[in-house]
Amino acid sequence: MSTASDSAIRKPGRPRSAQADQAILQATLEELTEVGIEAMSIEGVAARAGVGKTTIYRRWPSKEELIKAAVGVVHIQTPIPDTGNLREDVYAMVHNTLDVANRYPLLPKLFFRAVSEIKANPQFFTVLQAQLTGPRIYHFVEMIEKAKARGEIRPELDAFVVLGAIMGPIITQWLFPEMAAFVQPAPDMQPPANLAEQIVESILRGIAAP
């Protein structure tokens, strides 16, 4: 039978390591983008993170829970533009999106992996959409409707048509490293320094109200 003195001198369990958590979640995202959900394994994540399998299972009892946790930490804070001017709002949106992709190169790869598995693993895409794209799409539609009310955009245009026009060049840039392998001279090709301005100007000429 334990006594009060026994409890007082009992050593606490090993505290959970935030560094290990971060390494595991980062390794999970990297495994997801490289091999996909079906091929991803706890063993592969553990080897990449430099931890034992039991370390992962103590935190997340299944691969599904681990994936959900990893996607859940992908939360990039970027301001939602609302300047009252369409040109400035669209420029801020394009510039912020390109900047985030440059600072977090794993995100575009994660996005393309989610899209490629949308039929086989729709829950993965749903979690990623709720975490990253869903809220921003809502704010974008709101931004377009405000611009229509100000008479800056042709009223018959659908907000998602405008979104597609903006995101098309951005997604092309995300794909560029893979596409460059088939283009000559691929190693030296770089996007223009004023890429955001070029995208905005080309889009506004098509959607602006007469």
N, C-alpha and C. Protein backbone atom coordinates (compact mmCIF):
# COMPACT_ATOMS: atom_id res chain seq x y z
N MET A 1 0.85 -1.20 0.00
CA MET A 1 0.00 0.00 0.00
C MET A 1 0.87 1.23 0.00
N SER A 2 0.54 2.21 -0.88
CA SER A 2 1.35 3.42 -0.94
C SER A 2 0.97 4.37 0.17
N THR A 3 1.89 5.18 0.57
CA THR A 3 1.67 6.15 1.64
C THR A 3 1.84 7.55 1.07
N ALA A 4 1.53 8.56 1.91
CA ALA A 4 1.67 9.95 1.48
C ALA A 4 3.11 10.26 1.14
N SER A 5 4.05 9.68 1.93
CA SER A 5 5.46 9.94 1.66
C SER A 5 5.89 9.30 0.36
N ASP A 6 5.30 8.10 0.07
CA ASP A 6 5.62 7.45 -1.20
C ASP A 6 5.21 8.33 -2.37
N SER A 7 3.99 8.93 -2.29
CA SER A 7 3.50 9.78 -3.37
C SER A 7 4.36 11.02 -3.52
N ALA A 8 4.86 11.51 -2.39
CA ALA A 8 5.64 12.74 -2.43
C ALA A 8 6.96 12.55 -3.14
N ILE A 9 7.54 11.32 -3.04
CA ILE A 9 8.86 11.12 -3.63
C ILE A 9 8.79 10.42 -4.98
N ARG A 10 7.55 10.00 -5.41
CA ARG A 10 7.44 9.32 -6.70
C ARG A 10 7.78 10.29 -7.82
N LYS A 11 8.63 9.87 -8.74
CA LYS A 11 9.02 10.72 -9.84
C LYS A 11 7.89 10.83 -10.86
N PRO A 12 7.67 12.02 -11.41
CA PRO A 12 6.63 12.17 -12.42
C PRO A 12 7.04 11.47 -13.71
N GLY A 13 6.05 11.19 -14.55
CA GLY A 13 6.35 10.58 -15.84
C GLY A 13 7.09 11.56 -16.73
N ARG A 14 7.69 11.02 -17.78
CA ARG A 14 8.44 11.85 -18.71
C ARG A 14 7.50 12.85 -19.39
N PRO A 15 7.81 14.13 -19.33
CA PRO A 15 6.93 15.13 -19.95
C PRO A 15 6.92 15.00 -21.47
N ARG A 16 5.80 15.34 -22.06
CA ARG A 16 5.66 15.27 -23.50
C ARG A 16 6.53 16.33 -24.16
N SER A 17 7.29 15.94 -25.15
CA SER A 17 8.24 16.84 -25.80
C SER A 17 7.57 17.58 -26.94
N ALA A 18 7.55 18.90 -26.84
CA ALA A 18 6.99 19.72 -27.92
C ALA A 18 7.84 19.59 -29.18
N GLN A 19 9.13 19.42 -29.00
CA GLN A 19 10.03 19.27 -30.14
C GLN A 19 9.74 17.97 -30.89
N ALA A 20 9.47 16.90 -30.13
CA ALA A 20 9.13 15.63 -30.77
C ALA A 20 7.79 15.74 -31.50
N ASP A 21 6.83 16.41 -30.88
CA ASP A 21 5.53 16.62 -31.54
C ASP A 21 5.71 17.32 -32.88
N GLN A 22 6.48 18.39 -32.88
CA GLN A 22 6.70 19.16 -34.10
C GLN A 22 7.39 18.32 -35.17
N ALA A 23 8.39 17.54 -34.76
CA ALA A 23 9.11 16.69 -35.71
C ALA A 23 8.19 15.64 -36.32
N ILE A 24 7.33 15.06 -35.50
CA ILE A 24 6.41 14.02 -35.98
C ILE A 24 5.40 14.60 -36.96
N LEU A 25 4.81 15.73 -36.62
CA LEU A 25 3.80 16.33 -37.48
C LEU A 25 4.41 16.81 -38.80
N GLN A 26 5.61 17.37 -38.73
CA GLN A 26 6.29 17.79 -39.96
C GLN A 26 6.62 16.57 -40.83
N ALA A 27 7.09 15.51 -40.21
CA ALA A 27 7.40 14.28 -40.95
C ALA A 27 6.14 13.69 -41.58
N THR A 28 5.01 13.79 -40.88
CA THR A 28 3.75 13.30 -41.42
C THR A 28 3.36 14.06 -42.68
N LEU A 29 3.48 15.37 -42.66
CA LEU A 29 3.15 16.18 -43.83
C LEU A 29 4.07 15.84 -45.00
N GLU A 30 5.34 15.64 -44.71
CA GLU A 30 6.29 15.30 -45.77
C GLU A 30 5.98 13.94 -46.37
N GLU A 31 5.64 12.97 -45.51
CA GLU A 31 5.27 11.65 -46.01
C GLU A 31 4.01 11.72 -46.86
N LEU A 32 3.04 12.50 -46.41
CA LEU A 32 1.79 12.64 -47.15
C LEU A 32 2.04 13.16 -48.55
N THR A 33 2.84 14.21 -48.66
CA THR A 33 3.07 14.82 -49.96
C THR A 33 3.88 13.92 -50.88
N GLU A 34 4.73 13.08 -50.32
CA GLU A 34 5.61 12.25 -51.14
C GLU A 34 4.98 10.93 -51.56
N VAL A 35 4.27 10.27 -50.63
CA VAL A 35 3.78 8.93 -50.94
C VAL A 35 2.26 8.81 -50.91
N GLY A 36 1.56 9.77 -50.35
CA GLY A 36 0.11 9.71 -50.26
C GLY A 36 -0.38 8.97 -49.03
N ILE A 37 -1.69 9.01 -48.83
CA ILE A 37 -2.27 8.46 -47.61
C ILE A 37 -2.11 6.95 -47.51
N GLU A 38 -2.44 6.24 -48.60
CA GLU A 38 -2.42 4.78 -48.54
C GLU A 38 -1.03 4.24 -48.25
N ALA A 39 -0.01 4.80 -48.90
CA ALA A 39 1.35 4.29 -48.74
C ALA A 39 2.02 4.81 -47.47
N MET A 40 1.49 5.89 -46.90
CA MET A 40 2.10 6.43 -45.69
C MET A 40 1.96 5.44 -44.53
N SER A 41 3.02 5.32 -43.74
CA SER A 41 2.99 4.40 -42.60
C SER A 41 3.56 5.07 -41.37
N ILE A 42 3.15 4.57 -40.21
CA ILE A 42 3.69 5.09 -38.96
C ILE A 42 5.19 4.84 -38.90
N GLU A 43 5.62 3.70 -39.45
CA GLU A 43 7.05 3.39 -39.45
C GLU A 43 7.83 4.43 -40.24
N GLY A 44 7.30 4.80 -41.42
CA GLY A 44 7.97 5.79 -42.25
C GLY A 44 8.03 7.14 -41.59
N VAL A 45 6.94 7.53 -40.92
CA VAL A 45 6.92 8.81 -40.21
C VAL A 45 7.93 8.78 -39.07
N ALA A 46 7.96 7.68 -38.33
CA ALA A 46 8.88 7.57 -37.19
C ALA A 46 10.33 7.67 -37.66
N ALA A 47 10.65 7.00 -38.75
CA ALA A 47 12.03 7.05 -39.25
C ALA A 47 12.40 8.46 -39.70
N ARG A 48 11.48 9.14 -40.35
CA ARG A 48 11.75 10.49 -40.83
C ARG A 48 11.88 11.47 -39.66
N ALA A 49 11.07 11.27 -38.63
CA ALA A 49 11.08 12.17 -37.48
C ALA A 49 12.19 11.84 -36.49
N GLY A 50 12.78 10.67 -36.62
CA GLY A 50 13.84 10.27 -35.69
C GLY A 50 13.32 9.87 -34.32
N VAL A 51 12.12 9.26 -34.29
CA VAL A 51 11.54 8.80 -33.03
C VAL A 51 11.11 7.35 -33.19
N GLY A 52 10.72 6.73 -32.08
CA GLY A 52 10.21 5.37 -32.14
C GLY A 52 8.72 5.35 -32.43
N LYS A 53 8.24 4.22 -32.95
CA LYS A 53 6.81 4.10 -33.26
C LYS A 53 5.96 4.31 -32.02
N THR A 54 6.43 3.81 -30.89
CA THR A 54 5.64 3.94 -29.67
C THR A 54 5.47 5.40 -29.26
N THR A 55 6.45 6.22 -29.58
CA THR A 55 6.33 7.65 -29.29
C THR A 55 5.15 8.25 -30.04
N ILE A 56 4.96 7.81 -31.28
CA ILE A 56 3.84 8.31 -32.08
C ILE A 56 2.52 7.75 -31.56
N TYR A 57 2.49 6.44 -31.30
CA TYR A 57 1.24 5.82 -30.88
C TYR A 57 0.76 6.33 -29.52
N ARG A 58 1.69 6.76 -28.66
CA ARG A 58 1.28 7.33 -27.38
C ARG A 58 0.52 8.64 -27.58
N ARG A 59 0.83 9.33 -28.67
CA ARG A 59 0.20 10.62 -28.93
C ARG A 59 -1.03 10.48 -29.83
N TRP A 60 -0.90 9.66 -30.89
CA TRP A 60 -1.98 9.48 -31.84
C TRP A 60 -2.16 7.99 -32.09
N PRO A 61 -3.27 7.41 -31.67
CA PRO A 61 -3.43 5.95 -31.72
C PRO A 61 -3.62 5.36 -33.11
N SER A 62 -3.83 6.19 -34.12
CA SER A 62 -4.04 5.64 -35.47
C SER A 62 -3.45 6.59 -36.51
N LYS A 63 -3.26 6.07 -37.71
CA LYS A 63 -2.74 6.89 -38.80
C LYS A 63 -3.71 8.02 -39.13
N GLU A 64 -5.01 7.73 -39.06
CA GLU A 64 -6.01 8.75 -39.37
C GLU A 64 -5.93 9.92 -38.39
N GLU A 65 -5.77 9.62 -37.11
CA GLU A 65 -5.66 10.67 -36.10
C GLU A 65 -4.38 11.48 -36.30
N LEU A 66 -3.32 10.81 -36.68
CA LEU A 66 -2.05 11.49 -36.92
C LEU A 66 -2.18 12.45 -38.11
N ILE A 67 -2.80 11.99 -39.18
CA ILE A 67 -2.97 12.84 -40.36
C ILE A 67 -3.82 14.06 -40.03
N LYS A 68 -4.90 13.82 -39.30
CA LYS A 68 -5.78 14.93 -38.92
C LYS A 68 -5.04 15.96 -38.09
N ALA A 69 -4.20 15.49 -37.17
CA ALA A 69 -3.43 16.41 -36.32
C ALA A 69 -2.41 17.18 -37.15
N ALA A 70 -1.77 16.50 -38.09
CA ALA A 70 -0.75 17.16 -38.91
C ALA A 70 -1.37 18.24 -39.79
N VAL A 71 -2.48 17.91 -40.43
CA VAL A 71 -3.15 18.91 -41.27
C VAL A 71 -3.68 20.05 -40.41
N GLY A 72 -4.07 19.72 -39.18
CA GLY A 72 -4.62 20.73 -38.29
C GLY A 72 -3.64 21.82 -37.89
N VAL A 73 -2.34 21.53 -37.95
CA VAL A 73 -1.36 22.55 -37.57
C VAL A 73 -0.97 23.42 -38.75
N VAL A 74 -1.42 23.05 -39.95
CA VAL A 74 -1.12 23.87 -41.12
C VAL A 74 -2.10 25.04 -41.14
N HIS A 75 -1.73 26.10 -40.49
CA HIS A 75 -2.60 27.27 -40.39
C HIS A 75 -1.74 28.50 -40.63
N ILE A 76 -1.85 29.06 -41.81
CA ILE A 76 -1.04 30.21 -42.18
C ILE A 76 -1.86 31.47 -42.02
N GLN A 77 -1.39 32.37 -41.17
CA GLN A 77 -2.09 33.62 -40.93
C GLN A 77 -1.66 34.65 -41.97
N THR A 78 -2.57 35.00 -42.86
CA THR A 78 -2.34 36.09 -43.81
C THR A 78 -3.54 37.01 -43.76
N PRO A 79 -3.33 38.30 -43.87
CA PRO A 79 -4.45 39.23 -43.75
C PRO A 79 -5.44 39.09 -44.91
N ILE A 80 -6.72 39.24 -44.61
CA ILE A 80 -7.75 39.25 -45.63
C ILE A 80 -7.88 40.68 -46.12
N PRO A 81 -7.57 40.94 -47.39
CA PRO A 81 -7.60 42.33 -47.88
C PRO A 81 -9.02 42.88 -47.92
N ASP A 82 -9.19 44.09 -47.45
CA ASP A 82 -10.48 44.78 -47.50
C ASP A 82 -10.20 46.28 -47.45
N THR A 83 -9.60 46.79 -48.52
CA THR A 83 -9.20 48.18 -48.56
C THR A 83 -10.27 49.09 -49.13
N GLY A 84 -11.30 48.49 -49.73
CA GLY A 84 -12.31 49.30 -50.40
C GLY A 84 -11.94 49.61 -51.84
N ASN A 85 -10.85 49.03 -52.33
CA ASN A 85 -10.39 49.24 -53.70
C ASN A 85 -10.05 47.89 -54.30
N LEU A 86 -10.68 47.55 -55.43
CA LEU A 86 -10.51 46.22 -56.02
C LEU A 86 -9.06 45.94 -56.38
N ARG A 87 -8.40 46.88 -57.02
CA ARG A 87 -7.03 46.66 -57.44
C ARG A 87 -6.12 46.33 -56.24
N GLU A 88 -6.25 47.12 -55.19
CA GLU A 88 -5.41 46.90 -54.01
C GLU A 88 -5.75 45.59 -53.32
N ASP A 89 -7.05 45.25 -53.27
CA ASP A 89 -7.46 44.00 -52.63
C ASP A 89 -6.91 42.79 -53.38
N VAL A 90 -7.07 42.79 -54.72
CA VAL A 90 -6.60 41.65 -55.52
C VAL A 90 -5.09 41.55 -55.47
N TYR A 91 -4.41 42.69 -55.53
CA TYR A 91 -2.95 42.65 -55.45
C TYR A 91 -2.50 42.06 -54.12
N ALA A 92 -3.12 42.49 -53.01
CA ALA A 92 -2.75 41.97 -51.69
C ALA A 92 -2.99 40.47 -51.62
N MET A 93 -4.11 40.01 -52.18
CA MET A 93 -4.41 38.58 -52.16
C MET A 93 -3.37 37.78 -52.94
N VAL A 94 -3.04 38.23 -54.15
CA VAL A 94 -2.07 37.52 -54.98
C VAL A 94 -0.69 37.55 -54.33
N HIS A 95 -0.27 38.72 -53.86
CA HIS A 95 1.05 38.84 -53.24
C HIS A 95 1.15 37.96 -52.01
N ASN A 96 0.13 37.94 -51.16
CA ASN A 96 0.16 37.13 -49.94
C ASN A 96 0.21 35.64 -50.26
N THR A 97 -0.56 35.23 -51.27
CA THR A 97 -0.58 33.81 -51.64
C THR A 97 0.77 33.35 -52.18
N LEU A 98 1.37 34.15 -53.04
CA LEU A 98 2.70 33.81 -53.58
C LEU A 98 3.74 33.81 -52.47
N ASP A 99 3.63 34.76 -51.54
CA ASP A 99 4.60 34.85 -50.45
C ASP A 99 4.51 33.63 -49.53
N VAL A 100 3.28 33.22 -49.21
CA VAL A 100 3.11 32.05 -48.35
C VAL A 100 3.70 30.80 -49.01
N ALA A 101 3.46 30.63 -50.31
CA ALA A 101 4.00 29.46 -51.02
C ALA A 101 5.52 29.47 -51.05
N ASN A 102 6.11 30.67 -51.13
CA ASN A 102 7.57 30.77 -51.11
C ASN A 102 8.14 30.43 -49.73
N ARG A 103 7.44 30.87 -48.69
CA ARG A 103 7.94 30.63 -47.33
C ARG A 103 7.65 29.22 -46.84
N TYR A 104 6.59 28.61 -47.36
CA TYR A 104 6.21 27.26 -46.95
C TYR A 104 6.04 26.39 -48.20
N PRO A 105 7.14 25.98 -48.82
CA PRO A 105 7.06 25.25 -50.09
C PRO A 105 6.32 23.92 -49.99
N LEU A 106 6.10 23.42 -48.78
CA LEU A 106 5.37 22.16 -48.64
C LEU A 106 3.88 22.34 -48.94
N LEU A 107 3.35 23.54 -48.76
CA LEU A 107 1.91 23.76 -48.91
C LEU A 107 1.39 23.47 -50.32
N PRO A 108 2.02 24.01 -51.37
CA PRO A 108 1.52 23.66 -52.71
C PRO A 108 1.54 22.16 -52.97
N LYS A 109 2.60 21.49 -52.53
CA LYS A 109 2.68 20.04 -52.72
C LYS A 109 1.56 19.32 -51.97
N LEU A 110 1.27 19.80 -50.75
CA LEU A 110 0.19 19.21 -49.97
C LEU A 110 -1.15 19.43 -50.64
N PHE A 111 -1.32 20.60 -51.22
CA PHE A 111 -2.56 20.92 -51.93
C PHE A 111 -2.75 19.97 -53.11
N PHE A 112 -1.71 19.78 -53.92
CA PHE A 112 -1.83 18.93 -55.09
C PHE A 112 -2.05 17.47 -54.69
N ARG A 113 -1.43 17.05 -53.59
CA ARG A 113 -1.65 15.69 -53.12
C ARG A 113 -3.10 15.51 -52.70
N ALA A 114 -3.66 16.49 -52.01
CA ALA A 114 -5.06 16.40 -51.58
C ALA A 114 -6.00 16.33 -52.78
N VAL A 115 -5.73 17.13 -53.80
CA VAL A 115 -6.56 17.11 -55.00
C VAL A 115 -6.46 15.77 -55.71
N SER A 116 -5.25 15.22 -55.77
CA SER A 116 -5.07 13.95 -56.47
C SER A 116 -5.76 12.79 -55.76
N GLU A 117 -6.02 12.94 -54.45
CA GLU A 117 -6.64 11.86 -53.69
C GLU A 117 -8.07 12.19 -53.29
N ILE A 118 -8.68 13.16 -53.98
CA ILE A 118 -10.00 13.63 -53.57
C ILE A 118 -11.05 12.52 -53.66
N LYS A 119 -10.90 11.60 -54.62
CA LYS A 119 -11.87 10.52 -54.75
C LYS A 119 -11.55 9.35 -53.81
N ALA A 120 -10.29 9.00 -53.72
CA ALA A 120 -9.91 7.86 -52.89
C ALA A 120 -9.99 8.19 -51.40
N ASN A 121 -9.64 9.43 -51.04
CA ASN A 121 -9.63 9.82 -49.63
C ASN A 121 -10.24 11.22 -49.47
N PRO A 122 -11.55 11.32 -49.67
CA PRO A 122 -12.19 12.63 -49.62
C PRO A 122 -12.08 13.31 -48.25
N GLN A 123 -11.93 12.51 -47.18
CA GLN A 123 -11.83 13.11 -45.86
C GLN A 123 -10.56 13.94 -45.71
N PHE A 124 -9.50 13.54 -46.38
CA PHE A 124 -8.25 14.28 -46.33
C PHE A 124 -8.44 15.66 -46.96
N PHE A 125 -9.07 15.68 -48.14
CA PHE A 125 -9.32 16.95 -48.82
C PHE A 125 -10.26 17.82 -47.99
N THR A 126 -11.26 17.21 -47.36
CA THR A 126 -12.22 17.97 -46.57
C THR A 126 -11.54 18.66 -45.39
N VAL A 127 -10.66 17.93 -44.70
CA VAL A 127 -9.95 18.51 -43.56
C VAL A 127 -9.06 19.65 -44.02
N LEU A 128 -8.34 19.43 -45.12
CA LEU A 128 -7.44 20.47 -45.62
C LEU A 128 -8.23 21.70 -46.07
N GLN A 129 -9.35 21.47 -46.72
CA GLN A 129 -10.17 22.59 -47.17
C GLN A 129 -10.71 23.39 -46.00
N ALA A 130 -11.19 22.69 -44.98
CA ALA A 130 -11.73 23.39 -43.82
C ALA A 130 -10.65 24.19 -43.10
N GLN A 131 -9.43 23.68 -43.12
CA GLN A 131 -8.34 24.33 -42.40
C GLN A 131 -7.72 25.48 -43.17
N LEU A 132 -7.60 25.34 -44.49
CA LEU A 132 -6.84 26.31 -45.26
C LEU A 132 -7.68 27.12 -46.24
N THR A 133 -8.41 26.44 -47.12
CA THR A 133 -9.02 27.15 -48.23
C THR A 133 -10.43 27.65 -47.97
N GLY A 134 -11.21 26.88 -47.20
CA GLY A 134 -12.61 27.23 -46.99
C GLY A 134 -12.84 28.65 -46.49
N PRO A 135 -12.25 29.03 -45.36
CA PRO A 135 -12.48 30.38 -44.84
C PRO A 135 -12.03 31.46 -45.80
N ARG A 136 -10.93 31.25 -46.50
CA ARG A 136 -10.42 32.26 -47.41
C ARG A 136 -11.30 32.39 -48.65
N ILE A 137 -11.88 31.30 -49.12
CA ILE A 137 -12.80 31.39 -50.25
C ILE A 137 -14.03 32.21 -49.87
N TYR A 138 -14.53 31.99 -48.66
CA TYR A 138 -15.68 32.77 -48.19
C TYR A 138 -15.36 34.26 -48.21
N HIS A 139 -14.20 34.64 -47.70
CA HIS A 139 -13.82 36.04 -47.67
C HIS A 139 -13.58 36.59 -49.08
N PHE A 140 -13.08 35.74 -49.96
CA PHE A 140 -12.85 36.18 -51.33
C PHE A 140 -14.18 36.50 -52.02
N VAL A 141 -15.16 35.62 -51.88
CA VAL A 141 -16.48 35.85 -52.47
C VAL A 141 -17.06 37.16 -51.93
N GLU A 142 -16.90 37.37 -50.64
CA GLU A 142 -17.38 38.61 -50.02
C GLU A 142 -16.67 39.82 -50.64
N MET A 143 -15.36 39.70 -50.87
CA MET A 143 -14.59 40.78 -51.48
C MET A 143 -15.10 41.11 -52.88
N ILE A 144 -15.42 40.07 -53.66
CA ILE A 144 -15.91 40.27 -55.02
C ILE A 144 -17.29 40.93 -55.01
N GLU A 145 -18.15 40.49 -54.12
CA GLU A 145 -19.49 41.08 -54.05
C GLU A 145 -19.43 42.55 -53.65
N LYS A 146 -18.52 42.91 -52.78
CA LYS A 146 -18.36 44.32 -52.41
C LYS A 146 -17.88 45.13 -53.61
N ALA A 147 -16.96 44.54 -54.39
CA ALA A 147 -16.46 45.24 -55.57
C ALA A 147 -17.57 45.43 -56.60
N LYS A 148 -18.45 44.44 -56.72
CA LYS A 148 -19.60 44.59 -57.61
C LYS A 148 -20.49 45.74 -57.15
N ALA A 149 -20.73 45.79 -55.84
CA ALA A 149 -21.59 46.85 -55.30
C ALA A 149 -20.98 48.23 -55.54
N ARG A 150 -19.66 48.30 -55.60
CA ARG A 150 -18.99 49.58 -55.86
C ARG A 150 -18.90 49.89 -57.35
N GLY A 151 -19.35 48.94 -58.17
CA GLY A 151 -19.32 49.16 -59.61
C GLY A 151 -17.97 48.92 -60.24
N GLU A 152 -17.10 48.16 -59.56
CA GLU A 152 -15.75 47.91 -60.08
C GLU A 152 -15.67 46.66 -60.94
N ILE A 153 -16.61 45.74 -60.77
CA ILE A 153 -16.61 44.48 -61.51
C ILE A 153 -17.93 44.35 -62.26
N ARG A 154 -17.86 43.76 -63.44
CA ARG A 154 -19.09 43.51 -64.20
C ARG A 154 -20.03 42.66 -63.36
N PRO A 155 -21.27 43.09 -63.19
CA PRO A 155 -22.17 42.43 -62.23
C PRO A 155 -22.54 41.00 -62.58
N GLU A 156 -22.43 40.62 -63.87
CA GLU A 156 -22.85 39.27 -64.25
C GLU A 156 -21.79 38.21 -63.96
N LEU A 157 -20.57 38.63 -63.60
CA LEU A 157 -19.49 37.67 -63.37
C LEU A 157 -19.70 36.89 -62.08
N ASP A 158 -19.51 35.58 -62.17
CA ASP A 158 -19.57 34.73 -60.98
C ASP A 158 -18.28 34.85 -60.19
N ALA A 159 -18.38 34.88 -58.86
CA ALA A 159 -17.19 35.06 -58.02
C ALA A 159 -16.18 33.94 -58.22
N PHE A 160 -16.65 32.71 -58.50
CA PHE A 160 -15.72 31.60 -58.65
C PHE A 160 -15.02 31.63 -60.00
N VAL A 161 -15.65 32.28 -60.99
CA VAL A 161 -14.95 32.49 -62.26
C VAL A 161 -13.77 33.44 -62.03
N VAL A 162 -14.02 34.49 -61.25
CA VAL A 162 -12.95 35.44 -60.93
C VAL A 162 -11.86 34.76 -60.12
N LEU A 163 -12.26 33.93 -59.15
CA LEU A 163 -11.27 33.21 -58.34
C LEU A 163 -10.41 32.31 -59.21
N GLY A 164 -11.03 31.62 -60.17
CA GLY A 164 -10.27 30.76 -61.07
C GLY A 164 -9.29 31.55 -61.91
N ALA A 165 -9.71 32.75 -62.35
CA ALA A 165 -8.82 33.58 -63.14
C ALA A 165 -7.61 34.03 -62.34
N ILE A 166 -7.80 34.25 -61.05
CA ILE A 166 -6.69 34.67 -60.19
C ILE A 166 -5.79 33.50 -59.83
N MET A 167 -6.41 32.38 -59.45
CA MET A 167 -5.62 31.25 -58.97
C MET A 167 -4.93 30.48 -60.08
N GLY A 168 -5.43 30.58 -61.32
CA GLY A 168 -4.80 29.85 -62.42
C GLY A 168 -3.32 30.16 -62.57
N PRO A 169 -2.93 31.44 -62.70
CA PRO A 169 -1.50 31.76 -62.81
C PRO A 169 -0.71 31.39 -61.55
N ILE A 170 -1.35 31.47 -60.39
CA ILE A 170 -0.66 31.12 -59.15
C ILE A 170 -0.36 29.62 -59.11
N ILE A 171 -1.35 28.81 -59.47
CA ILE A 171 -1.15 27.37 -59.49
C ILE A 171 -0.10 26.98 -60.52
N THR A 172 -0.08 27.71 -61.64
CA THR A 172 0.96 27.46 -62.64
C THR A 172 2.34 27.68 -62.04
N GLN A 173 2.50 28.71 -61.24
CA GLN A 173 3.78 28.96 -60.59
C GLN A 173 4.11 27.87 -59.57
N TRP A 174 3.09 27.36 -58.89
CA TRP A 174 3.32 26.26 -57.94
C TRP A 174 3.81 25.02 -58.68
N LEU A 175 3.27 24.80 -59.87
CA LEU A 175 3.66 23.64 -60.67
C LEU A 175 4.99 23.85 -61.38
N PHE A 176 5.46 25.09 -61.42
CA PHE A 176 6.60 25.44 -62.25
C PHE A 176 7.83 24.56 -61.99
N PRO A 177 8.21 24.28 -60.74
CA PRO A 177 9.40 23.43 -60.54
C PRO A 177 9.28 22.08 -61.23
N GLU A 178 8.07 21.48 -61.23
CA GLU A 178 7.88 20.20 -61.90
C GLU A 178 7.85 20.38 -63.42
N MET A 179 7.19 21.46 -63.88
CA MET A 179 7.09 21.71 -65.31
C MET A 179 8.43 22.08 -65.93
N ALA A 180 9.28 22.76 -65.14
CA ALA A 180 10.54 23.26 -65.66
C ALA A 180 11.45 22.15 -66.16
N ALA A 181 11.27 20.95 -65.63
CA ALA A 181 12.11 19.83 -66.04
C ALA A 181 11.91 19.49 -67.52
N PHE A 182 10.76 19.92 -68.08
CA PHE A 182 10.46 19.61 -69.47
C PHE A 182 10.62 20.82 -70.38
N VAL A 183 11.14 21.92 -69.82
CA VAL A 183 11.28 23.16 -70.58
C VAL A 183 12.75 23.55 -70.63
N GLN A 184 13.21 24.02 -71.79
CA GLN A 184 14.60 24.46 -71.92
C GLN A 184 14.66 25.98 -72.04
N PRO A 185 15.59 26.66 -71.37
CA PRO A 185 16.58 26.08 -70.43
C PRO A 185 16.02 26.05 -69.02
N ALA A 186 15.53 24.90 -68.60
CA ALA A 186 14.82 24.76 -67.33
C ALA A 186 15.59 25.23 -66.11
N PRO A 187 16.89 24.88 -65.93
CA PRO A 187 17.55 25.21 -64.66
C PRO A 187 17.59 26.69 -64.33
N ASP A 188 17.61 27.57 -65.34
CA ASP A 188 17.77 28.99 -65.08
C ASP A 188 16.46 29.76 -65.13
N MET A 189 15.35 29.12 -65.41
CA MET A 189 14.09 29.83 -65.56
C MET A 189 13.53 30.20 -64.20
N GLN A 190 13.19 31.48 -64.04
CA GLN A 190 12.65 31.98 -62.78
C GLN A 190 11.43 32.84 -63.09
N PRO A 191 10.42 32.85 -62.18
CA PRO A 191 9.27 33.73 -62.40
C PRO A 191 9.70 35.18 -62.34
N PRO A 192 9.02 36.07 -63.04
CA PRO A 192 9.41 37.48 -63.03
C PRO A 192 9.26 38.10 -61.65
N ALA A 193 10.07 39.10 -61.37
CA ALA A 193 10.03 39.74 -60.06
C ALA A 193 8.70 40.44 -59.81
N ASN A 194 8.06 40.91 -60.88
CA ASN A 194 6.78 41.61 -60.73
C ASN A 194 5.61 40.69 -61.08
N LEU A 195 5.73 39.42 -60.72
CA LEU A 195 4.70 38.44 -61.07
C LEU A 195 3.33 38.85 -60.55
N ALA A 196 3.24 39.29 -59.30
CA ALA A 196 1.95 39.68 -58.72
C ALA A 196 1.31 40.79 -59.52
N GLU A 197 2.10 41.80 -59.91
CA GLU A 197 1.56 42.91 -60.70
C GLU A 197 1.06 42.43 -62.06
N GLN A 198 1.80 41.53 -62.71
CA GLN A 198 1.39 41.03 -64.02
C GLN A 198 0.07 40.27 -63.92
N ILE A 199 -0.06 39.45 -62.88
CA ILE A 199 -1.31 38.69 -62.70
C ILE A 199 -2.48 39.64 -62.49
N VAL A 200 -2.30 40.61 -61.61
CA VAL A 200 -3.39 41.53 -61.28
C VAL A 200 -3.81 42.33 -62.50
N GLU A 201 -2.84 42.88 -63.23
CA GLU A 201 -3.18 43.71 -64.38
C GLU A 201 -3.90 42.91 -65.45
N SER A 202 -3.45 41.69 -65.71
CA SER A 202 -4.09 40.87 -66.75
C SER A 202 -5.51 40.48 -66.35
N ILE A 203 -5.76 40.28 -65.06
CA ILE A 203 -7.09 39.89 -64.59
C ILE A 203 -8.03 41.08 -64.60
N LEU A 204 -7.59 42.22 -64.09
CA LEU A 204 -8.48 43.37 -63.96
C LEU A 204 -8.97 43.86 -65.31
N ARG A 205 -8.19 43.72 -66.34
CA ARG A 205 -8.63 44.15 -67.68
C ARG A 205 -9.81 43.31 -68.16
N GLY A 206 -9.91 42.09 -67.64
CA GLY A 206 -11.00 41.23 -68.08
C GLY A 206 -12.24 41.32 -67.22
N ILE A 207 -12.12 41.65 -65.93
CA ILE A 207 -13.27 41.63 -65.05
C ILE A 207 -13.80 43.01 -64.70
N ALA A 208 -13.05 44.05 -65.05
CA ALA A 208 -13.46 45.40 -64.65
C ALA A 208 -14.73 45.83 -65.38
N ALA A 209 -15.54 46.57 -64.68
CA ALA A 209 -16.76 47.12 -65.28
C ALA A 209 -16.37 48.18 -66.31
N PRO A 210 -17.14 48.32 -67.41
CA PRO A 210 -16.82 49.33 -68.42
C PRO A 210 -16.99 50.74 -67.84
